[in-house]
Amino acid sequence: MSDRLLDALQYYGAGAATLAALLVSLNLGRRWTGWAFVIFVTSSLALIAWGFLQSDSEGIGWQNIALLGINCVGVYRYLILKEKPGEPGSKGGTD
């Protein structure tokens, strides 16, 4: 595997995760947070690839498989669900 590709995967994954974390921390609203989770998904995909293609980095790959699942839940909650979880009238809320 090309060292340049591995470097691109590693640095994209790190940079995208940092940007996504910044967007979530700014609390700019549901749509922004949802798109931050989309960025987290791309970061996880890059780091999964990097982790399994780079020797001795499988731990990062496995960690990002778990994070990919968590990030997909974030995309679902913030971009796909029509109501905020926990609001009166929403499914699973605390009416």
PDB file of N, CA and C in Angstrom:
ATOM      1  N   MET A   1       0.848  -1.187   0.000  1.00  0.00           N
ATOM      2  CA  MET A   1       0.000   0.000   0.000  1.00  0.00           C
ATOM      3  C   MET A   1       0.885   1.239   0.000  1.00  0.00           C
ATOM      4  N   SER A   2       0.487   2.210  -0.761  1.00  0.00           N
ATOM      5  CA  SER A   2       1.253   3.441  -0.889  1.00  0.00           C
ATOM      6  C   SER A   2       1.295   4.219   0.428  1.00  0.00           C
ATOM      7  N   ASP A   3       2.489   4.677   0.783  1.00  0.00           N
ATOM      8  CA  ASP A   3       2.640   5.485   1.995  1.00  0.00           C
ATOM      9  C   ASP A   3       1.851   6.782   1.890  1.00  0.00           C
ATOM     10  N   ARG A   4       1.742   7.324   0.687  1.00  0.00           N
ATOM     11  CA  ARG A   4       0.999   8.581   0.498  1.00  0.00           C
ATOM     12  C   ARG A   4      -0.483   8.370   0.772  1.00  0.00           C
ATOM     13  N   LEU A   5      -1.036   7.239   0.311  1.00  0.00           N
ATOM     14  CA  LEU A   5      -2.442   6.937   0.569  1.00  0.00           C
ATOM     15  C   LEU A   5      -2.680   6.732   2.063  1.00  0.00           C
ATOM     16  N   LEU A   6      -1.781   5.981   2.695  1.00  0.00           N
ATOM     17  CA  LEU A   6      -1.924   5.752   4.134  1.00  0.00           C
ATOM     18  C   LEU A   6      -1.848   7.071   4.908  1.00  0.00           C
ATOM     19  N   ASP A   7      -0.926   7.940   4.534  1.00  0.00           N
ATOM     20  CA  ASP A   7      -0.833   9.250   5.188  1.00  0.00           C
ATOM     21  C   ASP A   7      -2.104  10.063   4.974  1.00  0.00           C
ATOM     22  N   ALA A   8      -2.638  10.043   3.739  1.00  0.00           N
ATOM     23  CA  ALA A   8      -3.861  10.794   3.448  1.00  0.00           C
ATOM     24  C   ALA A   8      -5.027  10.279   4.295  1.00  0.00           C
ATOM     25  N   LEU A   9      -5.176   8.954   4.403  1.00  0.00           N
ATOM     26  CA  LEU A   9      -6.245   8.379   5.224  1.00  0.00           C
ATOM     27  C   LEU A   9      -6.095   8.787   6.686  1.00  0.00           C
ATOM     28  N   GLN A  10      -4.879   8.680   7.194  1.00  0.00           N
ATOM     29  CA  GLN A  10      -4.625   8.998   8.604  1.00  0.00           C
ATOM     30  C   GLN A  10      -4.914  10.467   8.899  1.00  0.00           C
ATOM     31  N   TYR A  11      -4.375  11.360   8.079  1.00  0.00           N
ATOM     32  CA  TYR A  11      -4.534  12.782   8.369  1.00  0.00           C
ATOM     33  C   TYR A  11      -5.936  13.285   8.055  1.00  0.00           C
ATOM     34  N   TYR A  12      -6.573  12.729   7.019  1.00  0.00           N
ATOM     35  CA  TYR A  12      -7.968  13.095   6.770  1.00  0.00           C
ATOM     36  C   TYR A  12      -8.821  12.659   7.953  1.00  0.00           C
ATOM     37  N   GLY A  13      -8.642  11.418   8.404  1.00  0.00           N
ATOM     38  CA  GLY A  13      -9.430  10.914   9.527  1.00  0.00           C
ATOM     39  C   GLY A  13      -9.279  11.778  10.767  1.00  0.00           C
ATOM     40  N   ALA A  14      -8.053  12.166  11.076  1.00  0.00           N
ATOM     41  CA  ALA A  14      -7.798  12.999  12.255  1.00  0.00           C
ATOM     42  C   ALA A  14      -8.381  14.399  12.080  1.00  0.00           C
ATOM     43  N   GLY A  15      -8.162  14.999  10.920  1.00  0.00           N
ATOM     44  CA  GLY A  15      -8.657  16.356  10.684  1.00  0.00           C
ATOM     45  C   GLY A  15     -10.171  16.426  10.629  1.00  0.00           C
ATOM     46  N   ALA A  16     -10.794  15.451   9.955  1.00  0.00           N
ATOM     47  CA  ALA A  16     -12.254  15.430   9.860  1.00  0.00           C
ATOM     48  C   ALA A  16     -12.886  15.237  11.234  1.00  0.00           C
ATOM     49  N   ALA A  17     -12.308  14.361  12.053  1.00  0.00           N
ATOM     50  CA  ALA A  17     -12.846  14.148  13.407  1.00  0.00           C
ATOM     51  C   ALA A  17     -12.732  15.415  14.235  1.00  0.00           C
ATOM     52  N   THR A  18     -11.640  16.137  14.072  1.00  0.00           N
ATOM     53  CA  THR A  18     -11.450  17.385  14.815  1.00  0.00           C
ATOM     54  C   THR A  18     -12.480  18.428  14.386  1.00  0.00           C
ATOM     55  N   LEU A  19     -12.686  18.570  13.080  1.00  0.00           N
ATOM     56  CA  LEU A  19     -13.693  19.512  12.579  1.00  0.00           C
ATOM     57  C   LEU A  19     -15.085  19.134  13.069  1.00  0.00           C
ATOM     58  N   ALA A  20     -15.424  17.862  12.984  1.00  0.00           N
ATOM     59  CA  ALA A  20     -16.742  17.407  13.423  1.00  0.00           C
ATOM     60  C   ALA A  20     -16.947  17.668  14.908  1.00  0.00           C
ATOM     61  N   ALA A  21     -15.936  17.399  15.711  1.00  0.00           N
ATOM     62  CA  ALA A  21     -16.037  17.653  17.152  1.00  0.00           C
ATOM     63  C   ALA A  21     -16.239  19.141  17.428  1.00  0.00           C
ATOM     64  N   LEU A  22     -15.555  19.991  16.671  1.00  0.00           N
ATOM     65  CA  LEU A  22     -15.746  21.434  16.825  1.00  0.00           C
ATOM     66  C   LEU A  22     -17.181  21.822  16.506  1.00  0.00           C
ATOM     67  N   LEU A  23     -17.732  21.312  15.412  1.00  0.00           N
ATOM     68  CA  LEU A  23     -19.107  21.634  15.037  1.00  0.00           C
ATOM     69  C   LEU A  23     -20.104  21.182  16.103  1.00  0.00           C
ATOM     70  N   VAL A  24     -19.919  19.979  16.637  1.00  0.00           N
ATOM     71  CA  VAL A  24     -20.811  19.504  17.704  1.00  0.00           C
ATOM     72  C   VAL A  24     -20.681  20.401  18.924  1.00  0.00           C
ATOM     73  N   SER A  25     -19.462  20.786  19.281  1.00  0.00           N
ATOM     74  CA  SER A  25     -19.246  21.590  20.490  1.00  0.00           C
ATOM     75  C   SER A  25     -19.841  22.993  20.370  1.00  0.00           C
ATOM     76  N   LEU A  26     -19.965  23.503  19.149  1.00  0.00           N
ATOM     77  CA  LEU A  26     -20.538  24.840  18.958  1.00  0.00           C
ATOM     78  C   LEU A  26     -22.053  24.872  19.142  1.00  0.00           C
ATOM     79  N   ASN A  27     -22.689  23.695  19.128  1.00  0.00           N
ATOM     80  CA  ASN A  27     -24.130  23.592  19.368  1.00  0.00           C
ATOM     81  C   ASN A  27     -24.911  24.567  18.477  1.00  0.00           C
ATOM     82  N   LEU A  28     -24.692  24.456  17.162  1.00  0.00           N
ATOM     83  CA  LEU A  28     -25.304  25.355  16.192  1.00  0.00           C
ATOM     84  C   LEU A  28     -26.692  24.918  15.742  1.00  0.00           C
ATOM     85  N   GLY A  29     -27.188  23.834  16.290  1.00  0.00           N
ATOM     86  CA  GLY A  29     -28.516  23.345  15.933  1.00  0.00           C
ATOM     87  C   GLY A  29     -28.460  21.944  15.364  1.00  0.00           C
ATOM     88  N   ARG A  30     -29.668  21.371  15.186  1.00  0.00           N
ATOM     89  CA  ARG A  30     -29.790  19.971  14.751  1.00  0.00           C
ATOM     90  C   ARG A  30     -29.133  19.720  13.399  1.00  0.00           C
ATOM     91  N   ARG A  31     -29.383  20.577  12.415  1.00  0.00           N
ATOM     92  CA  ARG A  31     -28.854  20.335  11.077  1.00  0.00           C
ATOM     93  C   ARG A  31     -27.327  20.356  11.092  1.00  0.00           C
ATOM     94  N   TRP A  32     -26.723  21.349  11.720  1.00  0.00           N
ATOM     95  CA  TRP A  32     -25.253  21.423  11.804  1.00  0.00           C
ATOM     96  C   TRP A  32     -24.687  20.200  12.528  1.00  0.00           C
ATOM     97  N   THR A  33     -25.339  19.823  13.624  1.00  0.00           N
ATOM     98  CA  THR A  33     -24.865  18.659  14.377  1.00  0.00           C
ATOM     99  C   THR A  33     -24.992  17.395  13.538  1.00  0.00           C
ATOM    100  N   GLY A  34     -26.089  17.275  12.808  1.00  0.00           N
ATOM    101  CA  GLY A  34     -26.268  16.120  11.925  1.00  0.00           C
ATOM    102  C   GLY A  34     -25.179  16.029  10.881  1.00  0.00           C
ATOM    103  N   TRP A  35     -24.843  17.162  10.264  1.00  0.00           N
ATOM    104  CA  TRP A  35     -23.773  17.156   9.268  1.00  0.00           C
ATOM    105  C   TRP A  35     -22.412  16.901   9.909  1.00  0.00           C
ATOM    106  N   ALA A  36     -22.244  17.321  11.148  1.00  0.00           N
ATOM    107  CA  ALA A  36     -21.006  16.985  11.862  1.00  0.00           C
ATOM    108  C   ALA A  36     -20.885  15.471  12.005  1.00  0.00           C
ATOM    109  N   PHE A  37     -22.011  14.795  12.281  1.00  0.00           N
ATOM    110  CA  PHE A  37     -21.964  13.333  12.367  1.00  0.00           C
ATOM    111  C   PHE A  37     -21.666  12.699  11.012  1.00  0.00           C
ATOM    112  N   VAL A  38     -22.110  13.300   9.926  1.00  0.00           N
ATOM    113  CA  VAL A  38     -21.736  12.812   8.592  1.00  0.00           C
ATOM    114  C   VAL A  38     -20.217  12.904   8.422  1.00  0.00           C
ATOM    115  N   ILE A  39     -19.633  14.010   8.854  1.00  0.00           N
ATOM    116  CA  ILE A  39     -18.178  14.164   8.788  1.00  0.00           C
ATOM    117  C   ILE A  39     -17.500  13.122   9.673  1.00  0.00           C
ATOM    118  N   PHE A  40     -18.063  12.882  10.871  1.00  0.00           N
ATOM    119  CA  PHE A  40     -17.522  11.826  11.732  1.00  0.00           C
ATOM    120  C   PHE A  40     -17.552  10.471  11.011  1.00  0.00           C
ATOM    121  N   VAL A  41     -18.630  10.186  10.272  1.00  0.00           N
ATOM    122  CA  VAL A  41     -18.727   8.921   9.532  1.00  0.00           C
ATOM    123  C   VAL A  41     -17.577   8.807   8.536  1.00  0.00           C
ATOM    124  N   THR A  42     -17.307   9.884   7.791  1.00  0.00           N
ATOM    125  CA  THR A  42     -16.209   9.819   6.819  1.00  0.00           C
ATOM    126  C   THR A  42     -14.863   9.653   7.518  1.00  0.00           C
ATOM    127  N   SER A  43     -14.729  10.287   8.671  1.00  0.00           N
ATOM    128  CA  SER A  43     -13.499  10.127   9.448  1.00  0.00           C
ATOM    129  C   SER A  43     -13.315   8.673   9.885  1.00  0.00           C
ATOM    130  N   SER A  44     -14.390   8.084  10.392  1.00  0.00           N
ATOM    131  CA  SER A  44     -14.319   6.685  10.828  1.00  0.00           C
ATOM    132  C   SER A  44     -13.968   5.767   9.672  1.00  0.00           C
ATOM    133  N   LEU A  45     -14.566   6.004   8.505  1.00  0.00           N
ATOM    134  CA  LEU A  45     -14.258   5.161   7.347  1.00  0.00           C
ATOM    135  C   LEU A  45     -12.788   5.263   6.966  1.00  0.00           C
ATOM    136  N   ALA A  46     -12.263   6.481   6.965  1.00  0.00           N
ATOM    137  CA  ALA A  46     -10.847   6.665   6.631  1.00  0.00           C
ATOM    138  C   ALA A  46      -9.954   5.971   7.650  1.00  0.00           C
ATOM    139  N   LEU A  47     -10.298   6.090   8.930  1.00  0.00           N
ATOM    140  CA  LEU A  47      -9.442   5.494   9.962  1.00  0.00           C
ATOM    141  C   LEU A  47      -9.606   3.981  10.061  1.00  0.00           C
ATOM    142  N   ILE A  48     -10.761   3.465   9.655  1.00  0.00           N
ATOM    143  CA  ILE A  48     -10.914   2.008   9.553  1.00  0.00           C
ATOM    144  C   ILE A  48      -9.973   1.495   8.470  1.00  0.00           C
ATOM    145  N   ALA A  49     -10.020   2.133   7.305  1.00  0.00           N
ATOM    146  CA  ALA A  49      -9.137   1.719   6.211  1.00  0.00           C
ATOM    147  C   ALA A  49      -7.681   1.834   6.632  1.00  0.00           C
ATOM    148  N   TRP A  50      -7.307   2.977   7.197  1.00  0.00           N
ATOM    149  CA  TRP A  50      -5.920   3.175   7.627  1.00  0.00           C
ATOM    150  C   TRP A  50      -5.512   2.128   8.666  1.00  0.00           C
ATOM    151  N   GLY A  51      -6.388   1.883   9.634  1.00  0.00           N
ATOM    152  CA  GLY A  51      -6.058   0.962  10.712  1.00  0.00           C
ATOM    153  C   GLY A  51      -5.791  -0.455  10.242  1.00  0.00           C
ATOM    154  N   PHE A  52      -6.545  -0.899   9.230  1.00  0.00           N
ATOM    155  CA  PHE A  52      -6.355  -2.269   8.755  1.00  0.00           C
ATOM    156  C   PHE A  52      -5.338  -2.375   7.623  1.00  0.00           C
ATOM    157  N   LEU A  53      -5.007  -1.269   6.978  1.00  0.00           N
ATOM    158  CA  LEU A  53      -3.992  -1.300   5.922  1.00  0.00           C
ATOM    159  C   LEU A  53      -2.592  -1.009   6.450  1.00  0.00           C
ATOM    160  N   GLN A  54      -2.514  -0.291   7.559  1.00  0.00           N
ATOM    161  CA  GLN A  54      -1.239   0.058   8.195  1.00  0.00           C
ATOM    162  C   GLN A  54      -0.861  -1.070   9.163  1.00  0.00           C
ATOM    163  N   SER A  55       0.360  -1.501   9.118  1.00  0.00           N
ATOM    164  CA  SER A  55       0.759  -2.582  10.027  1.00  0.00           C
ATOM    165  C   SER A  55       0.722  -2.097  11.472  1.00  0.00           C
ATOM    166  N   ASP A  56       0.311  -2.972  12.352  1.00  0.00           N
ATOM    167  CA  ASP A  56       0.247  -2.715  13.797  1.00  0.00           C
ATOM    168  C   ASP A  56      -0.700  -1.586  14.186  1.00  0.00           C
ATOM    169  N   SER A  57      -1.761  -1.362  13.425  1.00  0.00           N
ATOM    170  CA  SER A  57      -2.721  -0.304  13.755  1.00  0.00           C
ATOM    171  C   SER A  57      -4.155  -0.819  13.782  1.00  0.00           C
ATOM    172  N   GLU A  58      -4.324  -2.119  13.942  1.00  0.00           N
ATOM    173  CA  GLU A  58      -5.657  -2.702  13.920  1.00  0.00           C
ATOM    174  C   GLU A  58      -6.551  -2.166  15.030  1.00  0.00           C
ATOM    175  N   GLY A  59      -5.954  -1.768  16.154  1.00  0.00           N
ATOM    176  CA  GLY A  59      -6.749  -1.228  17.268  1.00  0.00           C
ATOM    177  C   GLY A  59      -7.531   0.009  16.859  1.00  0.00           C
ATOM    178  N   ILE A  60      -6.900   0.884  16.082  1.00  0.00           N
ATOM    179  CA  ILE A  60      -7.593   2.075  15.583  1.00  0.00           C
ATOM    180  C   ILE A  60      -8.715   1.663  14.633  1.00  0.00           C
ATOM    181  N   GLY A  61      -8.462   0.652  13.820  1.00  0.00           N
ATOM    182  CA  GLY A  61      -9.499   0.151  12.919  1.00  0.00           C
ATOM    183  C   GLY A  61     -10.705  -0.363  13.678  1.00  0.00           C
ATOM    184  N   TRP A  62     -10.473  -1.192  14.696  1.00  0.00           N
ATOM    185  CA  TRP A  62     -11.589  -1.734  15.493  1.00  0.00           C
ATOM    186  C   TRP A  62     -12.311  -0.634  16.265  1.00  0.00           C
ATOM    187  N   GLN A  63     -11.559   0.298  16.817  1.00  0.00           N
ATOM    188  CA  GLN A  63     -12.185   1.406  17.539  1.00  0.00           C
ATOM    189  C   GLN A  63     -13.109   2.183  16.601  1.00  0.00           C
ATOM    190  N   ASN A  64     -12.676   2.405  15.389  1.00  0.00           N
ATOM    191  CA  ASN A  64     -13.469   3.191  14.454  1.00  0.00           C
ATOM    192  C   ASN A  64     -14.636   2.418  13.865  1.00  0.00           C
ATOM    193  N   ILE A  65     -14.590   1.100  13.908  1.00  0.00           N
ATOM    194  CA  ILE A  65     -15.790   0.328  13.565  1.00  0.00           C
ATOM    195  C   ILE A  65     -16.873   0.637  14.594  1.00  0.00           C
ATOM    196  N   ALA A  66     -16.510   0.644  15.878  1.00  0.00           N
ATOM    197  CA  ALA A  66     -17.487   0.992  16.929  1.00  0.00           C
ATOM    198  C   ALA A  66     -17.947   2.442  16.777  1.00  0.00           C
ATOM    199  N   LEU A  67     -17.004   3.357  16.527  1.00  0.00           N
ATOM    200  CA  LEU A  67     -17.365   4.766  16.365  1.00  0.00           C
ATOM    201  C   LEU A  67     -18.239   4.981  15.131  1.00  0.00           C
ATOM    202  N   LEU A  68     -18.032   4.204  14.087  1.00  0.00           N
ATOM    203  CA  LEU A  68     -18.872   4.306  12.899  1.00  0.00           C
ATOM    204  C   LEU A  68     -20.333   4.021  13.255  1.00  0.00           C
ATOM    205  N   GLY A  69     -20.550   2.988  14.056  1.00  0.00           N
ATOM    206  CA  GLY A  69     -21.918   2.685  14.492  1.00  0.00           C
ATOM    207  C   GLY A  69     -22.517   3.828  15.301  1.00  0.00           C
ATOM    208  N   ILE A  70     -21.744   4.358  16.234  1.00  0.00           N
ATOM    209  CA  ILE A  70     -22.210   5.479  17.054  1.00  0.00           C
ATOM    210  C   ILE A  70     -22.511   6.693  16.173  1.00  0.00           C
ATOM    211  N   ASN A  71     -21.635   6.979  15.224  1.00  0.00           N
ATOM    212  CA  ASN A  71     -21.825   8.133  14.354  1.00  0.00           C
ATOM    213  C   ASN A  71     -23.036   7.968  13.446  1.00  0.00           C
ATOM    214  N   CYS A  72     -23.315   6.754  13.022  1.00  0.00           N
ATOM    215  CA  CYS A  72     -24.527   6.504  12.225  1.00  0.00           C
ATOM    216  C   CYS A  72     -25.786   6.772  13.053  1.00  0.00           C
ATOM    217  N   VAL A  73     -25.749   6.444  14.329  1.00  0.00           N
ATOM    218  CA  VAL A  73     -26.868   6.783  15.213  1.00  0.00           C
ATOM    219  C   VAL A  73     -27.029   8.302  15.260  1.00  0.00           C
ATOM    220  N   GLY A  74     -25.939   9.034  15.344  1.00  0.00           N
ATOM    221  CA  GLY A  74     -26.004  10.496  15.350  1.00  0.00           C
ATOM    222  C   GLY A  74     -26.613  11.039  14.069  1.00  0.00           C
ATOM    223  N   VAL A  75     -26.217  10.503  12.924  1.00  0.00           N
ATOM    224  CA  VAL A  75     -26.802  10.928  11.645  1.00  0.00           C
ATOM    225  C   VAL A  75     -28.308  10.667  11.666  1.00  0.00           C
ATOM    226  N   TYR A  76     -28.699   9.493  12.113  1.00  0.00           N
ATOM    227  CA  TYR A  76     -30.120   9.149  12.170  1.00  0.00           C
ATOM    228  C   TYR A  76     -30.884  10.106  13.083  1.00  0.00           C
ATOM    229  N   ARG A  77     -30.367  10.320  14.279  1.00  0.00           N
ATOM    230  CA  ARG A  77     -31.072  11.167  15.250  1.00  0.00           C
ATOM    231  C   ARG A  77     -31.194  12.614  14.796  1.00  0.00           C
ATOM    232  N   TYR A  78     -30.136  13.158  14.203  1.00  0.00           N
ATOM    233  CA  TYR A  78     -30.114  14.585  13.901  1.00  0.00           C
ATOM    234  C   TYR A  78     -30.542  14.943  12.480  1.00  0.00           C
ATOM    235  N   LEU A  79     -30.424  14.017  11.526  1.00  0.00           N
ATOM    236  CA  LEU A  79     -30.799  14.352  10.154  1.00  0.00           C
ATOM    237  C   LEU A  79     -32.022  13.595   9.643  1.00  0.00           C
ATOM    238  N   ILE A  80     -32.290  12.416  10.183  1.00  0.00           N
ATOM    239  CA  ILE A  80     -33.364  11.598   9.639  1.00  0.00           C
ATOM    240  C   ILE A  80     -34.638  11.691  10.473  1.00  0.00           C
ATOM    241  N   LEU A  81     -34.534  11.610  11.802  1.00  0.00           N
ATOM    242  CA  LEU A  81     -35.725  11.733  12.648  1.00  0.00           C
ATOM    243  C   LEU A  81     -36.352  13.104  12.466  1.00  0.00           C
ATOM    244  N   LYS A  82     -37.661  13.157  12.422  1.00  0.00           N
ATOM    245  CA  LYS A  82     -38.353  14.427  12.233  1.00  0.00           C
ATOM    246  C   LYS A  82     -38.534  15.193  13.544  1.00  0.00           C
ATOM    247  N   GLU A  83     -38.602  14.489  14.667  1.00  0.00           N
ATOM    248  CA  GLU A  83     -38.786  15.127  15.970  1.00  0.00           C
ATOM    249  C   GLU A  83     -37.557  14.879  16.828  1.00  0.00           C
ATOM    250  N   LYS A  84     -37.282  15.826  17.710  1.00  0.00           N
ATOM    251  CA  LYS A  84     -36.194  15.633  18.657  1.00  0.00           C
ATOM    252  C   LYS A  84     -36.576  14.537  19.644  1.00  0.00           C
ATOM    253  N   PRO A  85     -35.692  13.572  19.896  1.00  0.00           N
ATOM    254  CA  PRO A  85     -35.973  12.589  20.935  1.00  0.00           C
ATOM    255  C   PRO A  85     -36.136  13.294  22.282  1.00  0.00           C
ATOM    256  N   GLY A  86     -37.145  12.878  23.043  1.00  0.00           N
ATOM    257  CA  GLY A  86     -37.361  13.455  24.362  1.00  0.00           C
ATOM    258  C   GLY A  86     -38.354  14.609  24.367  1.00  0.00           C
ATOM    259  N   GLU A  87     -38.775  15.099  23.186  1.00  0.00           N
ATOM    260  CA  GLU A  87     -39.773  16.159  23.143  1.00  0.00           C
ATOM    261  C   GLU A  87     -41.151  15.567  23.374  1.00  0.00           C
ATOM    262  N   PRO A  88     -42.048  16.328  23.980  1.00  0.00           N
ATOM    263  CA  PRO A  88     -43.430  15.832  24.136  1.00  0.00           C
ATOM    264  C   PRO A  88     -44.000  15.455  22.766  1.00  0.00           C
ATOM    265  N   GLY A  89     -44.629  14.287  22.735  1.00  0.00           N
ATOM    266  CA  GLY A  89     -45.215  13.812  21.484  1.00  0.00           C
ATOM    267  C   GLY A  89     -44.286  12.981  20.640  1.00  0.00           C
ATOM    268  N   SER A  90     -42.992  12.960  20.972  1.00  0.00           N
ATOM    269  CA  SER A  90     -42.078  12.142  20.180  1.00  0.00           C
ATOM    270  C   SER A  90     -42.040  10.734  20.731  1.00  0.00           C
ATOM    271  N   LYS A  91     -41.690   9.802  19.864  1.00  0.00           N
ATOM    272  CA  LYS A  91     -41.571   8.413  20.296  1.00  0.00           C
ATOM    273  C   LYS A  91     -40.403   8.285  21.241  1.00  0.00           C
ATOM    274  N   GLY A  92     -40.596   7.609  22.335  1.00  0.00           N
ATOM    275  CA  GLY A  92     -39.514   7.416  23.280  1.00  0.00           C
ATOM    276  C   GLY A  92     -39.285   8.616  24.187  1.00  0.00           C
ATOM    277  N   GLY A  93     -40.191   9.572  24.125  1.00  0.00           N
ATOM    278  CA  GLY A  93     -40.057  10.773  24.952  1.00  0.00           C
ATOM    279  C   GLY A  93     -40.421  10.493  26.405  1.00  0.00           C
ATOM    280  N   THR A  94     -40.218  11.492  27.221  1.00  0.00           N
ATOM    281  CA  THR A  94     -40.500  11.350  28.656  1.00  0.00           C
ATOM    282  C   THR A  94     -41.724  12.166  29.015  1.00  0.00           C
ATOM    283  N   ASP A  95     -42.823  11.971  28.235  1.00  0.00           N
ATOM    284  CA  ASP A  95     -44.052  12.751  28.427  1.00  0.00           C
ATOM    285  C   ASP A  95     -44.466  12.845  29.864  1.00  0.00           C
TER     286      ASP A  95
END
